Amino acid sequence: MFLESCIILINVITFLLFGEDKKRARQNKYRIPERTLLLFAFFGGAFGALIGMKTFHHKTRKRKFRIGVPMFLIMQLLVLFFLFVLHNS
């Protein structure tokens, strides 16, 4: 239950970060560094990042986001699958 809660939380936070960065971009304000967005995506928030990219039409032209975020998601899904398989075997 703890792992599931952490995964949900990091994805919600990542989604909100993408939305906030898009809002700041429109207002020409200080932006959230790309490195921060990618780190949140890498450390469990890839699904939230991908949904944020689609919802806010944000970072969709940047190659490192267009390729990196889906790769992070695949890696995270594989890790979760193996954790599930090992835990239930």
PDB file of N, CA and C in Angstrom:
ATOM      1  N   MET A   1       0.819  -1.192   0.000  1.00  0.00           N
ATOM      2  CA  MET A   1       0.000   0.000   0.000  1.00  0.00           C
ATOM      3  C   MET A   1       0.868   1.264   0.000  1.00  0.00           C
ATOM      4  N   PHE A   2       1.978   1.218   0.707  1.00  0.00           N
ATOM      5  CA  PHE A   2       2.872   2.383   0.774  1.00  0.00           C
ATOM      6  C   PHE A   2       3.470   2.695  -0.593  1.00  0.00           C
ATOM      7  N   LEU A   3       3.919   1.651  -1.297  1.00  0.00           N
ATOM      8  CA  LEU A   3       4.512   1.837  -2.623  1.00  0.00           C
ATOM      9  C   LEU A   3       3.504   2.464  -3.588  1.00  0.00           C
ATOM     10  N   GLU A   4       2.282   1.960  -3.565  1.00  0.00           N
ATOM     11  CA  GLU A   4       1.248   2.492  -4.445  1.00  0.00           C
ATOM     12  C   GLU A   4       0.985   3.968  -4.159  1.00  0.00           C
ATOM     13  N   SER A   5       0.930   4.328  -2.883  1.00  0.00           N
ATOM     14  CA  SER A   5       0.695   5.722  -2.494  1.00  0.00           C
ATOM     15  C   SER A   5       1.837   6.622  -2.964  1.00  0.00           C
ATOM     16  N   CYS A   6       3.066   6.136  -2.835  1.00  0.00           N
ATOM     17  CA  CYS A   6       4.226   6.914  -3.288  1.00  0.00           C
ATOM     18  C   CYS A   6       4.203   7.122  -4.793  1.00  0.00           C
ATOM     19  N   ILE A   7       3.850   6.080  -5.527  1.00  0.00           N
ATOM     20  CA  ILE A   7       3.792   6.171  -6.986  1.00  0.00           C
ATOM     21  C   ILE A   7       2.724   7.179  -7.412  1.00  0.00           C
ATOM     22  N   ILE A   8       1.569   7.111  -6.791  1.00  0.00           N
ATOM     23  CA  ILE A   8       0.494   8.061  -7.110  1.00  0.00           C
ATOM     24  C   ILE A   8       0.932   9.482  -6.781  1.00  0.00           C
ATOM     25  N   LEU A   9       1.536   9.679  -5.617  1.00  0.00           N
ATOM     26  CA  LEU A   9       1.953  11.011  -5.190  1.00  0.00           C
ATOM     27  C   LEU A   9       2.994  11.613  -6.139  1.00  0.00           C
ATOM     28  N   ILE A  10       4.015  10.857  -6.500  1.00  0.00           N
ATOM     29  CA  ILE A  10       5.065  11.394  -7.369  1.00  0.00           C
ATOM     30  C   ILE A  10       4.500  11.724  -8.750  1.00  0.00           C
ATOM     31  N   ASN A  11       3.536  10.937  -9.219  1.00  0.00           N
ATOM     32  CA  ASN A  11       2.935  11.217 -10.519  1.00  0.00           C
ATOM     33  C   ASN A  11       2.041  12.451 -10.483  1.00  0.00           C
ATOM     34  N   VAL A  12       1.311  12.635  -9.405  1.00  0.00           N
ATOM     35  CA  VAL A  12       0.486  13.841  -9.263  1.00  0.00           C
ATOM     36  C   VAL A  12       1.383  15.074  -9.187  1.00  0.00           C
ATOM     37  N   ILE A  13       2.436  14.993  -8.404  1.00  0.00           N
ATOM     38  CA  ILE A  13       3.360  16.122  -8.277  1.00  0.00           C
ATOM     39  C   ILE A  13       3.996  16.447  -9.630  1.00  0.00           C
ATOM     40  N   THR A  14       4.423  15.427 -10.346  1.00  0.00           N
ATOM     41  CA  THR A  14       5.055  15.635 -11.656  1.00  0.00           C
ATOM     42  C   THR A  14       4.073  16.272 -12.633  1.00  0.00           C
ATOM     43  N   PHE A  15       2.856  15.779 -12.666  1.00  0.00           N
ATOM     44  CA  PHE A  15       1.818  16.358 -13.515  1.00  0.00           C
ATOM     45  C   PHE A  15       1.627  17.839 -13.191  1.00  0.00           C
ATOM     46  N   LEU A  16       1.528  18.157 -11.903  1.00  0.00           N
ATOM     47  CA  LEU A  16       1.341  19.545 -11.484  1.00  0.00           C
ATOM     48  C   LEU A  16       2.546  20.416 -11.838  1.00  0.00           C
ATOM     49  N   LEU A  17       3.755  19.861 -11.740  1.00  0.00           N
ATOM     50  CA  LEU A  17       4.948  20.614 -12.125  1.00  0.00           C
ATOM     51  C   LEU A  17       4.929  20.984 -13.605  1.00  0.00           C
ATOM     52  N   PHE A  18       4.500  20.046 -14.448  1.00  0.00           N
ATOM     53  CA  PHE A  18       4.408  20.344 -15.875  1.00  0.00           C
ATOM     54  C   PHE A  18       3.375  21.443 -16.132  1.00  0.00           C
ATOM     55  N   GLY A  19       2.263  21.371 -15.427  1.00  0.00           N
ATOM     56  CA  GLY A  19       1.247  22.400 -15.571  1.00  0.00           C
ATOM     57  C   GLY A  19       1.729  23.757 -15.094  1.00  0.00           C
ATOM     58  N   GLU A  20       2.414  23.775 -13.966  1.00  0.00           N
ATOM     59  CA  GLU A  20       2.941  25.026 -13.424  1.00  0.00           C
ATOM     60  C   GLU A  20       4.001  25.617 -14.342  1.00  0.00           C
ATOM     61  N   ASP A  21       4.856  24.786 -14.898  1.00  0.00           N
ATOM     62  CA  ASP A  21       5.893  25.295 -15.796  1.00  0.00           C
ATOM     63  C   ASP A  21       5.268  25.876 -17.061  1.00  0.00           C
ATOM     64  N   LYS A  22       4.241  25.240 -17.589  1.00  0.00           N
ATOM     65  CA  LYS A  22       3.561  25.771 -18.770  1.00  0.00           C
ATOM     66  C   LYS A  22       2.924  27.127 -18.446  1.00  0.00           C
ATOM     67  N   LYS A  23       2.314  27.220 -17.277  1.00  0.00           N
ATOM     68  CA  LYS A  23       1.703  28.484 -16.852  1.00  0.00           C
ATOM     69  C   LYS A  23       2.754  29.583 -16.747  1.00  0.00           C
ATOM     70  N   ARG A  24       3.896  29.246 -16.151  1.00  0.00           N
ATOM     71  CA  ARG A  24       4.981  30.225 -16.030  1.00  0.00           C
ATOM     72  C   ARG A  24       5.531  30.615 -17.396  1.00  0.00           C
ATOM     73  N   ALA A  25       5.582  29.661 -18.308  1.00  0.00           N
ATOM     74  CA  ALA A  25       6.079  29.961 -19.661  1.00  0.00           C
ATOM     75  C   ALA A  25       5.172  30.974 -20.350  1.00  0.00           C
ATOM     76  N   ARG A  26       3.882  30.796 -20.203  1.00  0.00           N
ATOM     77  CA  ARG A  26       2.923  31.730 -20.810  1.00  0.00           C
ATOM     78  C   ARG A  26       3.024  33.124 -20.199  1.00  0.00           C
ATOM     79  N   GLN A  27       3.331  33.172 -18.894  1.00  0.00           N
ATOM     80  CA  GLN A  27       3.406  34.455 -18.188  1.00  0.00           C
ATOM     81  C   GLN A  27       4.804  35.065 -18.234  1.00  0.00           C
ATOM     82  N   ASN A  28       5.720  34.377 -18.933  1.00  0.00           N
ATOM     83  CA  ASN A  28       7.097  34.850 -19.051  1.00  0.00           C
ATOM     84  C   ASN A  28       7.763  35.027 -17.688  1.00  0.00           C
ATOM     85  N   LYS A  29       7.515  34.080 -16.782  1.00  0.00           N
ATOM     86  CA  LYS A  29       8.080  34.105 -15.433  1.00  0.00           C
ATOM     87  C   LYS A  29       9.212  33.086 -15.320  1.00  0.00           C
ATOM     88  N   TYR A  30       9.854  33.082 -14.139  1.00  0.00           N
ATOM     89  CA  TYR A  30      10.913  32.119 -13.846  1.00  0.00           C
ATOM     90  C   TYR A  30      10.373  30.711 -14.018  1.00  0.00           C
ATOM     91  N   ARG A  31      11.110  29.871 -14.760  1.00  0.00           N
ATOM     92  CA  ARG A  31      10.659  28.537 -15.124  1.00  0.00           C
ATOM     93  C   ARG A  31      11.233  27.470 -14.207  1.00  0.00           C
ATOM     94  N   ILE A  32      10.557  26.342 -14.183  1.00  0.00           N
ATOM     95  CA  ILE A  32      11.061  25.159 -13.492  1.00  0.00           C
ATOM     96  C   ILE A  32      12.123  24.555 -14.415  1.00  0.00           C
ATOM     97  N   PRO A  33      13.323  24.312 -13.904  1.00  0.00           N
ATOM     98  CA  PRO A  33      14.384  23.768 -14.774  1.00  0.00           C
ATOM     99  C   PRO A  33      13.984  22.437 -15.420  1.00  0.00           C
ATOM    100  N   GLU A  34      14.392  22.263 -16.669  1.00  0.00           N
ATOM    101  CA  GLU A  34      14.112  21.004 -17.368  1.00  0.00           C
ATOM    102  C   GLU A  34      14.676  19.816 -16.607  1.00  0.00           C
ATOM    103  N   ARG A  35      15.817  20.015 -16.007  1.00  0.00           N
ATOM    104  CA  ARG A  35      16.445  18.936 -15.233  1.00  0.00           C
ATOM    105  C   ARG A  35      15.512  18.468 -14.112  1.00  0.00           C
ATOM    106  N   THR A  36      14.857  19.405 -13.454  1.00  0.00           N
ATOM    107  CA  THR A  36      13.928  19.060 -12.372  1.00  0.00           C
ATOM    108  C   THR A  36      12.752  18.260 -12.919  1.00  0.00           C
ATOM    109  N   LEU A  37      12.194  18.710 -14.030  1.00  0.00           N
ATOM    110  CA  LEU A  37      11.073  17.990 -14.632  1.00  0.00           C
ATOM    111  C   LEU A  37      11.483  16.567 -15.014  1.00  0.00           C
ATOM    112  N   LEU A  38      12.663  16.431 -15.606  1.00  0.00           N
ATOM    113  CA  LEU A  38      13.140  15.103 -16.007  1.00  0.00           C
ATOM    114  C   LEU A  38      13.457  14.217 -14.812  1.00  0.00           C
ATOM    115  N   LEU A  39      13.990  14.803 -13.752  1.00  0.00           N
ATOM    116  CA  LEU A  39      14.285  14.004 -12.552  1.00  0.00           C
ATOM    117  C   LEU A  39      13.004  13.477 -11.910  1.00  0.00           C
ATOM    118  N   PHE A  40      11.979  14.308 -11.844  1.00  0.00           N
ATOM    119  CA  PHE A  40      10.706  13.831 -11.302  1.00  0.00           C
ATOM    120  C   PHE A  40      10.141  12.719 -12.177  1.00  0.00           C
ATOM    121  N   ALA A  41      10.268  12.878 -13.498  1.00  0.00           N
ATOM    122  CA  ALA A  41       9.793  11.837 -14.408  1.00  0.00           C
ATOM    123  C   ALA A  41      10.591  10.554 -14.218  1.00  0.00           C
ATOM    124  N   PHE A  42      11.895  10.678 -14.084  1.00  0.00           N
ATOM    125  CA  PHE A  42      12.767   9.504 -13.944  1.00  0.00           C
ATOM    126  C   PHE A  42      12.508   8.752 -12.638  1.00  0.00           C
ATOM    127  N   PHE A  43      12.322   9.486 -11.566  1.00  0.00           N
ATOM    128  CA  PHE A  43      12.161   8.857 -10.250  1.00  0.00           C
ATOM    129  C   PHE A  43      10.705   8.539  -9.928  1.00  0.00           C
ATOM    130  N   GLY A  44      10.007   7.987 -10.893  1.00  0.00           N
ATOM    131  CA  GLY A  44       8.676   7.450 -10.632  1.00  0.00           C
ATOM    132  C   GLY A  44       7.529   8.237 -11.217  1.00  0.00           C
ATOM    133  N   GLY A  45       7.773   9.416 -11.757  1.00  0.00           N
ATOM    134  CA  GLY A  45       6.685  10.252 -12.230  1.00  0.00           C
ATOM    135  C   GLY A  45       6.518  10.295 -13.736  1.00  0.00           C
ATOM    136  N   ALA A  46       6.955   9.263 -14.426  1.00  0.00           N
ATOM    137  CA  ALA A  46       6.895   9.282 -15.895  1.00  0.00           C
ATOM    138  C   ALA A  46       5.465   9.327 -16.411  1.00  0.00           C
ATOM    139  N   PHE A  47       4.563   8.615 -15.760  1.00  0.00           N
ATOM    140  CA  PHE A  47       3.172   8.638 -16.207  1.00  0.00           C
ATOM    141  C   PHE A  47       2.581  10.043 -16.044  1.00  0.00           C
ATOM    142  N   GLY A  48       2.829  10.662 -14.905  1.00  0.00           N
ATOM    143  CA  GLY A  48       2.360  12.029 -14.679  1.00  0.00           C
ATOM    144  C   GLY A  48       2.978  13.010 -15.658  1.00  0.00           C
ATOM    145  N   ALA A  49       4.251  12.807 -15.976  1.00  0.00           N
ATOM    146  CA  ALA A  49       4.929  13.672 -16.949  1.00  0.00           C
ATOM    147  C   ALA A  49       4.308  13.517 -18.330  1.00  0.00           C
ATOM    148  N   LEU A  50       4.068  12.289 -18.735  1.00  0.00           N
ATOM    149  CA  LEU A  50       3.486  12.044 -20.055  1.00  0.00           C
ATOM    150  C   LEU A  50       2.081  12.641 -20.158  1.00  0.00           C
ATOM    151  N   ILE A  51       1.282  12.461 -19.133  1.00  0.00           N
ATOM    152  CA  ILE A  51      -0.063  13.033 -19.124  1.00  0.00           C
ATOM    153  C   ILE A  51       0.026  14.555 -19.092  1.00  0.00           C
ATOM    154  N   GLY A  52       0.985  15.102 -18.339  1.00  0.00           N
ATOM    155  CA  GLY A  52       1.189  16.545 -18.298  1.00  0.00           C
ATOM    156  C   GLY A  52       1.610  17.099 -19.645  1.00  0.00           C
ATOM    157  N   MET A  53       2.490  16.384 -20.330  1.00  0.00           N
ATOM    158  CA  MET A  53       2.923  16.811 -21.658  1.00  0.00           C
ATOM    159  C   MET A  53       1.733  16.863 -22.615  1.00  0.00           C
ATOM    160  N   LYS A  54       0.891  15.849 -22.563  1.00  0.00           N
ATOM    161  CA  LYS A  54      -0.269  15.788 -23.459  1.00  0.00           C
ATOM    162  C   LYS A  54      -1.327  16.818 -23.073  1.00  0.00           C
ATOM    163  N   THR A  55      -1.617  16.928 -21.788  1.00  0.00           N
ATOM    164  CA  THR A  55      -2.666  17.828 -21.314  1.00  0.00           C
ATOM    165  C   THR A  55      -2.326  19.289 -21.561  1.00  0.00           C
ATOM    166  N   PHE A  56      -1.094  19.662 -21.206  1.00  0.00           N
ATOM    167  CA  PHE A  56      -0.693  21.061 -21.280  1.00  0.00           C
ATOM    168  C   PHE A  56       0.040  21.403 -22.593  1.00  0.00           C
ATOM    169  N   HIS A  57       0.213  20.408 -23.464  1.00  0.00           N
ATOM    170  CA  HIS A  57       0.979  20.599 -24.710  1.00  0.00           C
ATOM    171  C   HIS A  57       2.316  21.267 -24.386  1.00  0.00           C
ATOM    172  N   HIS A  58       3.016  20.637 -23.459  1.00  0.00           N
ATOM    173  CA  HIS A  58       4.232  21.229 -22.917  1.00  0.00           C
ATOM    174  C   HIS A  58       5.411  20.280 -23.078  1.00  0.00           C
ATOM    175  N   LYS A  59       6.498  20.791 -23.591  1.00  0.00           N
ATOM    176  CA  LYS A  59       7.749  20.045 -23.806  1.00  0.00           C
ATOM    177  C   LYS A  59       7.585  18.946 -24.850  1.00  0.00           C
ATOM    178  N   THR A  60       6.568  19.041 -25.678  1.00  0.00           N
ATOM    179  CA  THR A  60       6.327  17.984 -26.665  1.00  0.00           C
ATOM    180  C   THR A  60       7.256  18.071 -27.865  1.00  0.00           C
ATOM    181  N   ARG A  61       7.893  19.212 -28.081  1.00  0.00           N
ATOM    182  CA  ARG A  61       8.831  19.352 -29.196  1.00  0.00           C
ATOM    183  C   ARG A  61      10.267  19.047 -28.791  1.00  0.00           C
ATOM    184  N   LYS A  62      10.501  19.005 -27.501  1.00  0.00           N
ATOM    185  CA  LYS A  62      11.862  18.747 -27.008  1.00  0.00           C
ATOM    186  C   LYS A  62      12.147  17.248 -27.086  1.00  0.00           C
ATOM    187  N   ARG A  63      13.192  16.927 -27.827  1.00  0.00           N
ATOM    188  CA  ARG A  63      13.545  15.517 -28.050  1.00  0.00           C
ATOM    189  C   ARG A  63      13.773  14.751 -26.748  1.00  0.00           C
ATOM    190  N   LYS A  64      14.471  15.378 -25.797  1.00  0.00           N
ATOM    191  CA  LYS A  64      14.769  14.653 -24.556  1.00  0.00           C
ATOM    192  C   LYS A  64      13.508  14.329 -23.760  1.00  0.00           C
ATOM    193  N   PHE A  65      12.460  15.093 -23.936  1.00  0.00           N
ATOM    194  CA  PHE A  65      11.188  14.799 -23.278  1.00  0.00           C
ATOM    195  C   PHE A  65      10.365  13.826 -24.116  1.00  0.00           C
ATOM    196  N   ARG A  66      10.325  14.060 -25.417  1.00  0.00           N
ATOM    197  CA  ARG A  66       9.541  13.225 -26.325  1.00  0.00           C
ATOM    198  C   ARG A  66      10.017  11.774 -26.317  1.00  0.00           C
ATOM    199  N   ILE A  67      11.324  11.580 -26.152  1.00  0.00           N
ATOM    200  CA  ILE A  67      11.886  10.225 -26.132  1.00  0.00           C
ATOM    201  C   ILE A  67      12.120   9.754 -24.699  1.00  0.00           C
ATOM    202  N   GLY A  68      12.646  10.638 -23.861  1.00  0.00           N
ATOM    203  CA  GLY A  68      13.016  10.253 -22.500  1.00  0.00           C
ATOM    204  C   GLY A  68      11.855   9.846 -21.622  1.00  0.00           C
ATOM    205  N   VAL A  69      10.789  10.626 -21.624  1.00  0.00           N
ATOM    206  CA  VAL A  69       9.663  10.334 -20.732  1.00  0.00           C
ATOM    207  C   VAL A  69       9.025   8.976 -21.059  1.00  0.00           C
ATOM    208  N   PRO A  70       8.728   8.663 -22.325  1.00  0.00           N
ATOM    209  CA  PRO A  70       8.194   7.311 -22.596  1.00  0.00           C
ATOM    210  C   PRO A  70       9.176   6.196 -22.224  1.00  0.00           C
ATOM    211  N   MET A  71      10.486   6.436 -22.414  1.00  0.00           N
ATOM    212  CA  MET A  71      11.473   5.428 -21.999  1.00  0.00           C
ATOM    213  C   MET A  71      11.439   5.233 -20.483  1.00  0.00           C
ATOM    214  N   PHE A  72      11.342   6.335 -19.737  1.00  0.00           N
ATOM    215  CA  PHE A  72      11.249   6.237 -18.278  1.00  0.00           C
ATOM    216  C   PHE A  72      10.000   5.443 -17.881  1.00  0.00           C
ATOM    217  N   LEU A  73       8.900   5.697 -18.572  1.00  0.00           N
ATOM    218  CA  LEU A  73       7.656   4.999 -18.252  1.00  0.00           C
ATOM    219  C   LEU A  73       7.797   3.499 -18.497  1.00  0.00           C
ATOM    220  N   ILE A  74       8.393   3.130 -19.602  1.00  0.00           N
ATOM    221  CA  ILE A  74       8.603   1.703 -19.898  1.00  0.00           C
ATOM    222  C   ILE A  74       9.483   1.069 -18.823  1.00  0.00           C
ATOM    223  N   MET A  75      10.556   1.751 -18.457  1.00  0.00           N
ATOM    224  CA  MET A  75      11.443   1.223 -17.404  1.00  0.00           C
ATOM    225  C   MET A  75      10.681   1.065 -16.088  1.00  0.00           C
ATOM    226  N   GLN A  76       9.885   2.046 -15.727  1.00  0.00           N
ATOM    227  CA  GLN A  76       9.150   1.987 -14.469  1.00  0.00           C
ATOM    228  C   GLN A  76       8.107   0.874 -14.480  1.00  0.00           C
ATOM    229  N   LEU A  77       7.451   0.686 -15.621  1.00  0.00           N
ATOM    230  CA  LEU A  77       6.476  -0.402 -15.726  1.00  0.00           C
ATOM    231  C   LEU A  77       7.149  -1.765 -15.625  1.00  0.00           C
ATOM    232  N   LEU A  78       8.331  -1.890 -16.214  1.00  0.00           N
ATOM    233  CA  LEU A  78       9.078  -3.154 -16.099  1.00  0.00           C
ATOM    234  C   LEU A  78       9.489  -3.427 -14.658  1.00  0.00           C
ATOM    235  N   VAL A  79       9.963  -2.408 -13.973  1.00  0.00           N
ATOM    236  CA  VAL A  79      10.351  -2.564 -12.566  1.00  0.00           C
ATOM    237  C   VAL A  79       9.144  -2.981 -11.731  1.00  0.00           C
ATOM    238  N   LEU A  80       8.019  -2.315 -11.938  1.00  0.00           N
ATOM    239  CA  LEU A  80       6.803  -2.665 -11.191  1.00  0.00           C
ATOM    240  C   LEU A  80       6.345  -4.081 -11.505  1.00  0.00           C
ATOM    241  N   PHE A  81       6.436  -4.466 -12.769  1.00  0.00           N
ATOM    242  CA  PHE A  81       6.052  -5.822 -13.156  1.00  0.00           C
ATOM    243  C   PHE A  81       6.913  -6.850 -12.438  1.00  0.00           C
ATOM    244  N   PHE A  82       8.239  -6.639 -12.451  1.00  0.00           N
ATOM    245  CA  PHE A  82       9.118  -7.599 -11.791  1.00  0.00           C
ATOM    246  C   PHE A  82       8.945  -7.585 -10.279  1.00  0.00           C
ATOM    247  N   LEU A  83       8.698  -6.442  -9.699  1.00  0.00           N
ATOM    248  CA  LEU A  83       8.414  -6.400  -8.264  1.00  0.00           C
ATOM    249  C   LEU A  83       7.142  -7.177  -7.940  1.00  0.00           C
ATOM    250  N   PHE A  84       6.138  -7.029  -8.773  1.00  0.00           N
ATOM    251  CA  PHE A  84       4.884  -7.737  -8.584  1.00  0.00           C
ATOM    252  C   PHE A  84       5.089  -9.237  -8.742  1.00  0.00           C
ATOM    253  N   VAL A  85       5.810  -9.642  -9.779  1.00  0.00           N
ATOM    254  CA  VAL A  85       6.054 -11.065 -10.039  1.00  0.00           C
ATOM    255  C   VAL A  85       6.867 -11.681  -8.909  1.00  0.00           C
ATOM    256  N   LEU A  86       7.929 -10.988  -8.498  1.00  0.00           N
ATOM    257  CA  LEU A  86       8.772 -11.534  -7.422  1.00  0.00           C
ATOM    258  C   LEU A  86       8.034 -11.565  -6.096  1.00  0.00           C
ATOM    259  N   HIS A  87       7.209 -10.579  -5.855  1.00  0.00           N
ATOM    260  CA  HIS A  87       6.471 -10.516  -4.590  1.00  0.00           C
ATOM    261  C   HIS A  87       5.402 -11.590  -4.506  1.00  0.00           C
ATOM    262  N   ASN A  88       4.822 -11.949  -5.643  1.00  0.00           N
ATOM    263  CA  ASN A  88       3.722 -12.924  -5.667  1.00  0.00           C
ATOM    264  C   ASN A  88       4.153 -14.322  -6.066  1.00  0.00           C
ATOM    265  N   SER A  89       5.458 -14.580  -6.117  1.00  0.00           N
ATOM    266  CA  SER A  89       5.885 -15.939  -6.501  1.00  0.00           C
ATOM    267  C   SER A  89       6.285 -16.754  -5.289  1.00  0.00           C
TER     268      SER A  89
END
